Protein backbone atom coordinates (compact mmCIF):
# COMPACT_ATOMS: atom_id res chain seq x y z
CA MET A 1 10.11 -20.51 -0.31
CA SER A 2 7.15 -20.78 1.21
CA THR A 3 6.78 -17.23 2.12
CA VAL A 4 6.67 -17.29 -1.55
CA PHE A 5 3.86 -19.39 -2.03
CA LEU A 6 2.63 -17.74 1.35
CA ALA A 7 2.72 -14.00 -0.75
CA VAL A 8 1.32 -15.40 -3.98
CA GLY A 9 -1.54 -16.97 -2.73
CA LEU A 10 -2.33 -13.65 -0.60
CA VAL A 11 -2.65 -11.87 -3.60
CA LEU A 12 -5.02 -14.35 -5.74
CA VAL A 13 -6.84 -13.77 -2.15
CA VAL A 14 -6.89 -10.09 -2.77
CA GLU A 15 -7.80 -9.87 -6.57
CA GLY A 16 -10.55 -12.47 -6.32
CA LEU A 17 -12.59 -10.87 -3.45
CA ALA A 18 -12.12 -7.94 -6.19
CA TYR A 19 -13.70 -9.97 -8.70
CA ALA A 20 -16.14 -11.54 -6.36
CA LEU A 21 -17.00 -8.73 -5.16
CA ALA A 22 -17.54 -5.69 -7.38
CA PRO A 23 -16.92 -6.78 -11.02
CA SER A 24 -18.82 -3.91 -12.11
CA PHE A 25 -16.16 -1.85 -10.12
CA ILE A 26 -13.69 -3.47 -12.05
CA ARG A 27 -14.99 -3.93 -15.93
CA ARG A 28 -14.73 0.08 -15.15
CA MET A 29 -11.28 -0.28 -14.26
CA ALA A 30 -9.95 -1.48 -16.67
CA GLU A 31 -12.22 0.77 -19.72
CA GLU A 32 -10.21 3.72 -18.53
CA LEU A 33 -6.54 2.09 -17.34
CA PRO A 34 -5.57 2.56 -21.12
CA LYS A 35 -6.88 6.51 -21.06
CA LEU A 36 -4.24 6.96 -18.01
CA GLY A 37 -1.11 8.08 -18.58
CA ASP A 38 2.53 6.10 -18.29
CA GLU A 39 3.25 8.55 -15.48
CA HIS A 40 0.10 7.76 -14.27
CA LEU A 41 0.60 4.23 -14.24
CA ARG A 42 3.87 4.50 -12.64
CA THR A 43 3.32 6.56 -9.85
CA PHE A 44 1.02 4.53 -8.36
CA GLY A 45 2.83 1.36 -9.55
CA VAL A 46 5.65 2.80 -7.53
CA VAL A 47 3.12 3.83 -4.35
CA ALA A 48 1.32 -0.07 -4.66
CA LEU A 49 4.91 -1.25 -4.38
CA ALA A 50 6.13 0.19 -1.65
CA ILE A 51 2.85 0.22 -0.04
CA GLY A 52 3.38 -3.89 -0.38
CA VAL A 53 7.12 -3.62 0.54
CA GLY A 54 6.01 -1.62 4.07
CA LEU A 55 2.95 -4.41 5.14
CA VAL A 56 5.74 -7.06 4.36
CA TYR A 57 7.89 -5.86 6.36
CA LEU A 58 5.90 -4.77 9.29
CA ALA A 59 4.07 -8.08 8.99
CA ARG A 60 7.91 -10.26 9.11
CA SER A 61 8.34 -8.08 11.93
CA LEU A 62 5.53 -8.86 14.48
């Protein structure tokens, strides 16, 4: 269970950093998001998922 809390905490840290360091970029991204098609969003999601799984695997194996 502590691993779940660690993962959620790290996600919140990264999200918080993005909003704190580049709020105008986040705002522009949010405005452009509805213009992207479902396939582009799905591809981005799968790529992000694969990178995340790879990072978790790497972190757990070190």
